[in-house]
């Protein structure tokens, strides 16, 4: 009768070798691509000369 082996904790199977960095980068790229383009910024109603004093 073979000797009993100690029970090891169950681990999920290893994936196809994709690093966490690559996985996160692909998720970020997919999110960026799936967003609609930003709306153009509204044009200023006041001329920039009026704000020059504050700078």
PDB file of N, CA and C in Angstrom:
ATOM      1  N   UNK A   1       0.845  -1.173   0.000  1.00  0.00           N
ATOM      2  CA  UNK A   1       0.000   0.000   0.000  1.00  0.00           C
ATOM      3  C   UNK A   1       0.889   1.236   0.000  1.00  0.00           C
ATOM      4  N   UNK A   2       0.633   2.182  -0.936  1.00  0.00           N
ATOM      5  CA  UNK A   2       1.488   3.371  -0.977  1.00  0.00           C
ATOM      6  C   UNK A   2       1.260   4.286   0.221  1.00  0.00           C
ATOM      7  N   UNK A   3       2.297   5.020   0.562  1.00  0.00           N
ATOM      8  CA  UNK A   3       2.182   5.965   1.678  1.00  0.00           C
ATOM      9  C   UNK A   3       1.266   7.105   1.288  1.00  0.00           C
ATOM     10  N   UNK A   4       0.484   7.572   2.226  1.00  0.00           N
ATOM     11  CA  UNK A   4      -0.446   8.673   1.921  1.00  0.00           C
ATOM     12  C   UNK A   4       0.329   9.983   1.823  1.00  0.00           C
ATOM     13  N   UNK A   5      -0.076  10.784   0.872  1.00  0.00           N
ATOM     14  CA  UNK A   5       0.566  12.082   0.680  1.00  0.00           C
ATOM     15  C   UNK A   5      -0.232  13.144   1.424  1.00  0.00           C
ATOM     16  N   UNK A   6       0.460  14.178   1.920  1.00  0.00           N
ATOM     17  CA  UNK A   6      -0.280  15.235   2.616  1.00  0.00           C
ATOM     18  C   UNK A   6      -1.194  15.958   1.627  1.00  0.00           C
ATOM     19  N   UNK A   7      -2.355  16.334   2.108  1.00  0.00           N
ATOM     20  CA  UNK A   7      -3.324  17.024   1.253  1.00  0.00           C
ATOM     21  C   UNK A   7      -2.856  18.460   1.012  1.00  0.00           C
ATOM     22  N   UNK A   8      -2.754  18.826  -0.256  1.00  0.00           N
ATOM     23  CA  UNK A   8      -2.364  20.186  -0.618  1.00  0.00           C
ATOM     24  C   UNK A   8      -3.610  21.019  -0.838  1.00  0.00           C
ATOM     25  N   UNK A   9      -3.555  22.298  -0.520  1.00  0.00           N
ATOM     26  CA  UNK A   9      -4.733  23.144  -0.773  1.00  0.00           C
ATOM     27  C   UNK A   9      -4.999  23.236  -2.269  1.00  0.00           C
ATOM     28  N   UNK A  10      -6.263  23.326  -2.630  1.00  0.00           N
ATOM     29  CA  UNK A  10      -6.646  23.393  -4.040  1.00  0.00           C
ATOM     30  C   UNK A  10      -6.238  24.732  -4.619  1.00  0.00           C
ATOM     31  N   UNK A  11      -5.656  24.715  -5.800  1.00  0.00           N
ATOM     32  CA  UNK A  11      -5.280  25.937  -6.508  1.00  0.00           C
ATOM     33  C   UNK A  11      -5.956  25.923  -7.862  1.00  0.00           C
ATOM     34  N   UNK A  12      -6.415  27.084  -8.331  1.00  0.00           N
ATOM     35  CA  UNK A  12      -7.013  27.117  -9.668  1.00  0.00           C
ATOM     36  C   UNK A  12      -5.962  26.812 -10.719  1.00  0.00           C
ATOM     37  N   UNK A  13      -6.364  26.240 -11.837  1.00  0.00           N
ATOM     38  CA  UNK A  13      -5.389  25.922 -12.875  1.00  0.00           C
ATOM     39  C   UNK A  13      -4.721  27.187 -13.415  1.00  0.00           C
ATOM     40  N   UNK A  14      -3.499  27.038 -13.830  1.00  0.00           N
ATOM     41  CA  UNK A  14      -2.714  28.153 -14.354  1.00  0.00           C
ATOM     42  C   UNK A  14      -3.238  28.517 -15.740  1.00  0.00           C
ATOM     43  N   UNK A  15      -3.327  29.799 -16.006  1.00  0.00           N
ATOM     44  CA  UNK A  15      -3.808  30.245 -17.311  1.00  0.00           C
ATOM     45  C   UNK A  15      -2.738  30.018 -18.381  1.00  0.00           C
ATOM     46  N   UNK A  16      -2.980  30.533 -19.554  1.00  0.00           N
ATOM     47  CA  UNK A  16      -2.100  30.285 -20.698  1.00  0.00           C
ATOM     48  C   UNK A  16      -0.805  31.085 -20.647  1.00  0.00           C
ATOM     49  N   UNK A  17      -0.461  31.631 -19.533  1.00  0.00           N
ATOM     50  CA  UNK A  17       0.814  32.317 -19.403  1.00  0.00           C
ATOM     51  C   UNK A  17       0.734  33.811 -19.650  1.00  0.00           C
ATOM     52  N   UNK A  18      -0.404  34.429 -19.425  1.00  0.00           N
ATOM     53  CA  UNK A  18      -0.548  35.877 -19.588  1.00  0.00           C
ATOM     54  C   UNK A  18      -0.191  36.524 -18.256  1.00  0.00           C
ATOM     55  N   UNK A  19       0.724  37.471 -18.304  1.00  0.00           N
ATOM     56  CA  UNK A  19       1.116  38.138 -17.061  1.00  0.00           C
ATOM     57  C   UNK A  19       0.019  39.105 -16.620  1.00  0.00           C
ATOM     58  N   UNK A  20       0.009  39.390 -15.347  1.00  0.00           N
ATOM     59  CA  UNK A  20      -0.988  40.312 -14.796  1.00  0.00           C
ATOM     60  C   UNK A  20      -0.836  41.683 -15.428  1.00  0.00           C
ATOM     61  N   UNK A  21       0.395  42.105 -15.690  1.00  0.00           N
ATOM     62  CA  UNK A  21       0.630  43.407 -16.317  1.00  0.00           C
ATOM     63  C   UNK A  21      -0.009  43.474 -17.701  1.00  0.00           C
ATOM     64  N   UNK A  22       0.173  42.414 -18.493  1.00  0.00           N
ATOM     65  CA  UNK A  22      -0.428  42.379 -19.824  1.00  0.00           C
ATOM     66  C   UNK A  22      -1.946  42.334 -19.749  1.00  0.00           C
ATOM     67  N   UNK A  23      -2.471  41.586 -18.786  1.00  0.00           N
ATOM     68  CA  UNK A  23      -3.919  41.506 -18.625  1.00  0.00           C
ATOM     69  C   UNK A  23      -4.511  42.866 -18.274  1.00  0.00           C
ATOM     70  N   UNK A  24      -3.889  43.571 -17.335  1.00  0.00           N
ATOM     71  CA  UNK A  24      -4.383  44.893 -16.939  1.00  0.00           C
ATOM     72  C   UNK A  24      -4.250  45.896 -18.083  1.00  0.00           C
ATOM     73  N   UNK A  25      -3.166  45.807 -18.840  1.00  0.00           N
ATOM     74  CA  UNK A  25      -2.971  46.713 -19.968  1.00  0.00           C
ATOM     75  C   UNK A  25      -4.030  46.469 -21.036  1.00  0.00           C
ATOM     76  N   UNK A  26      -4.372  45.209 -21.276  1.00  0.00           N
ATOM     77  CA  UNK A  26      -5.390  44.931 -22.286  1.00  0.00           C
ATOM     78  C   UNK A  26      -6.761  45.402 -21.826  1.00  0.00           C
ATOM     79  N   UNK A  27      -7.041  45.300 -20.541  1.00  0.00           N
ATOM     80  CA  UNK A  27      -8.321  45.795 -20.009  1.00  0.00           C
ATOM     81  C   UNK A  27      -8.395  47.317 -20.136  1.00  0.00           C
ATOM     82  N   UNK A  28      -7.314  48.005 -19.838  1.00  0.00           N
ATOM     83  CA  UNK A  28      -7.289  49.463 -19.951  1.00  0.00           C
ATOM     84  C   UNK A  28      -7.450  49.890 -21.405  1.00  0.00           C
ATOM     85  N   UNK A  29      -6.817  49.176 -22.316  1.00  0.00           N
ATOM     86  CA  UNK A  29      -6.941  49.505 -23.734  1.00  0.00           C
ATOM     87  C   UNK A  29      -8.360  49.263 -24.224  1.00  0.00           C
ATOM     88  N   UNK A  30      -8.969  48.177 -23.791  1.00  0.00           N
ATOM     89  CA  UNK A  30     -10.342  47.878 -24.203  1.00  0.00           C
ATOM     90  C   UNK A  30     -11.310  48.930 -23.675  1.00  0.00           C
ATOM     91  N   UNK A  31     -11.087  49.386 -22.450  1.00  0.00           N
ATOM     92  CA  UNK A  31     -11.964  50.416 -21.883  1.00  0.00           C
ATOM     93  C   UNK A  31     -11.807  51.729 -22.648  1.00  0.00           C
ATOM     94  N   UNK A  32     -10.584  52.087 -22.996  1.00  0.00           N
ATOM     95  CA  UNK A  32     -10.335  53.318 -23.731  1.00  0.00           C
ATOM     96  C   UNK A  32     -10.992  53.287 -25.102  1.00  0.00           C
ATOM     97  N   UNK A  33     -10.882  52.169 -25.778  1.00  0.00           N
ATOM     98  CA  UNK A  33     -11.444  52.045 -27.121  1.00  0.00           C
ATOM     99  C   UNK A  33     -12.967  52.050 -27.084  1.00  0.00           C
ATOM    100  N   UNK A  34     -13.558  51.472 -26.042  1.00  0.00           N
ATOM    101  CA  UNK A  34     -15.012  51.329 -26.004  1.00  0.00           C
ATOM    102  C   UNK A  34     -15.733  52.613 -25.599  1.00  0.00           C
ATOM    103  N   UNK A  35     -15.009  53.590 -25.089  1.00  0.00           N
ATOM    104  CA  UNK A  35     -15.661  54.855 -24.707  1.00  0.00           C
ATOM    105  C   UNK A  35     -15.909  55.714 -25.939  1.00  0.00           C
ATOM    106  N   UNK A  36     -17.032  56.425 -25.961  1.00  0.00           N
ATOM    107  CA  UNK A  36     -17.257  57.344 -27.080  1.00  0.00           C
ATOM    108  C   UNK A  36     -16.289  58.523 -26.986  1.00  0.00           C
ATOM    109  N   UNK A  37     -16.025  59.184 -28.111  1.00  0.00           N
ATOM    110  CA  UNK A  37     -15.106  60.322 -28.068  1.00  0.00           C
ATOM    111  C   UNK A  37     -15.671  61.449 -27.192  1.00  0.00           C
ATOM    112  N   UNK A  38     -14.760  62.194 -26.602  1.00  0.00           N
ATOM    113  CA  UNK A  38     -15.197  63.310 -25.753  1.00  0.00           C
ATOM    114  C   UNK A  38     -15.836  64.392 -26.592  1.00  0.00           C
ATOM    115  N   UNK A  39     -16.813  65.061 -26.010  1.00  0.00           N
ATOM    116  CA  UNK A  39     -17.463  66.173 -26.686  1.00  0.00           C
ATOM    117  C   UNK A  39     -16.478  67.339 -26.759  1.00  0.00           C
ATOM    118  N   UNK A  40     -16.542  68.131 -27.820  1.00  0.00           N
ATOM    119  CA  UNK A  40     -15.643  69.286 -27.892  1.00  0.00           C
ATOM    120  C   UNK A  40     -15.939  70.269 -26.765  1.00  0.00           C
ATOM    121  N   UNK A  41     -14.900  70.931 -26.328  1.00  0.00           N
ATOM    122  CA  UNK A  41     -15.077  71.903 -25.256  1.00  0.00           C
ATOM    123  C   UNK A  41     -15.847  73.102 -25.782  1.00  0.00           C
ATOM    124  N   UNK A  42     -16.740  73.646 -24.960  1.00  0.00           N
ATOM    125  CA  UNK A  42     -17.501  74.812 -25.418  1.00  0.00           C
ATOM    126  C   UNK A  42     -16.582  76.016 -25.616  1.00  0.00           C
ATOM    127  N   UNK A  43     -16.914  76.832 -26.571  1.00  0.00           N
ATOM    128  CA  UNK A  43     -16.104  78.023 -26.817  1.00  0.00           C
ATOM    129  C   UNK A  43     -16.326  79.020 -25.691  1.00  0.00           C
ATOM    130  N   UNK A  44     -15.283  79.777 -25.416  1.00  0.00           N
ATOM    131  CA  UNK A  44     -15.388  80.770 -24.349  1.00  0.00           C
ATOM    132  C   UNK A  44     -16.261  81.920 -24.806  1.00  0.00           C
ATOM    133  N   UNK A  45     -17.096  82.353 -23.887  1.00  0.00           N
ATOM    134  CA  UNK A  45     -17.969  83.475 -24.195  1.00  0.00           C
ATOM    135  C   UNK A  45     -17.259  84.802 -23.964  1.00  0.00           C
ATOM    136  N   UNK A  46     -16.312  84.819 -23.013  1.00  0.00           N
ATOM    137  CA  UNK A  46     -15.580  86.048 -22.711  1.00  0.00           C
ATOM    138  C   UNK A  46     -14.209  85.998 -23.388  1.00  0.00           C
ATOM    139  N   UNK A  47     -13.735  87.113 -23.879  1.00  0.00           N
ATOM    140  CA  UNK A  47     -12.396  87.103 -24.478  1.00  0.00           C
ATOM    141  C   UNK A  47     -11.324  86.822 -23.414  1.00  0.00           C
ATOM    142  N   UNK A  48     -10.246  86.252 -23.826  1.00  0.00           N
ATOM    143  CA  UNK A  48      -9.175  85.890 -22.905  1.00  0.00           C
ATOM    144  C   UNK A  48      -8.500  87.109 -22.282  1.00  0.00           C
ATOM    145  N   UNK A  49      -8.612  88.262 -22.909  1.00  0.00           N
ATOM    146  CA  UNK A  49      -7.973  89.475 -22.384  1.00  0.00           C
ATOM    147  C   UNK A  49      -8.524  89.850 -21.010  1.00  0.00           C
ATOM    148  N   UNK A  50      -9.766  89.550 -20.748  1.00  0.00           N
ATOM    149  CA  UNK A  50     -10.352  89.910 -19.453  1.00  0.00           C
ATOM    150  C   UNK A  50      -9.760  89.067 -18.329  1.00  0.00           C
ATOM    151  N   UNK A  51      -9.235  87.906 -18.635  1.00  0.00           N
ATOM    152  CA  UNK A  51      -8.681  87.025 -17.608  1.00  0.00           C
ATOM    153  C   UNK A  51      -7.192  87.221 -17.428  1.00  0.00           C
ATOM    154  N   UNK A  52      -6.603  88.051 -18.236  1.00  0.00           N
ATOM    155  CA  UNK A  52      -5.149  88.218 -18.187  1.00  0.00           C
ATOM    156  C   UNK A  52      -4.686  88.852 -16.874  1.00  0.00           C
ATOM    157  N   UNK A  53      -5.477  89.715 -16.270  1.00  0.00           N
ATOM    158  CA  UNK A  53      -5.094  90.361 -15.025  1.00  0.00           C
ATOM    159  C   UNK A  53      -4.948  89.365 -13.877  1.00  0.00           C
ATOM    160  N   UNK A  54      -5.776  88.332 -13.881  1.00  0.00           N
ATOM    161  CA  UNK A  54      -5.717  87.350 -12.799  1.00  0.00           C
ATOM    162  C   UNK A  54      -4.424  86.545 -12.839  1.00  0.00           C
ATOM    163  N   UNK A  55      -3.867  86.372 -13.997  1.00  0.00           N
ATOM    164  CA  UNK A  55      -2.642  85.591 -14.104  1.00  0.00           C
ATOM    165  C   UNK A  55      -1.491  86.419 -13.596  1.00  0.00           C
TER     166      UNK A  55
END
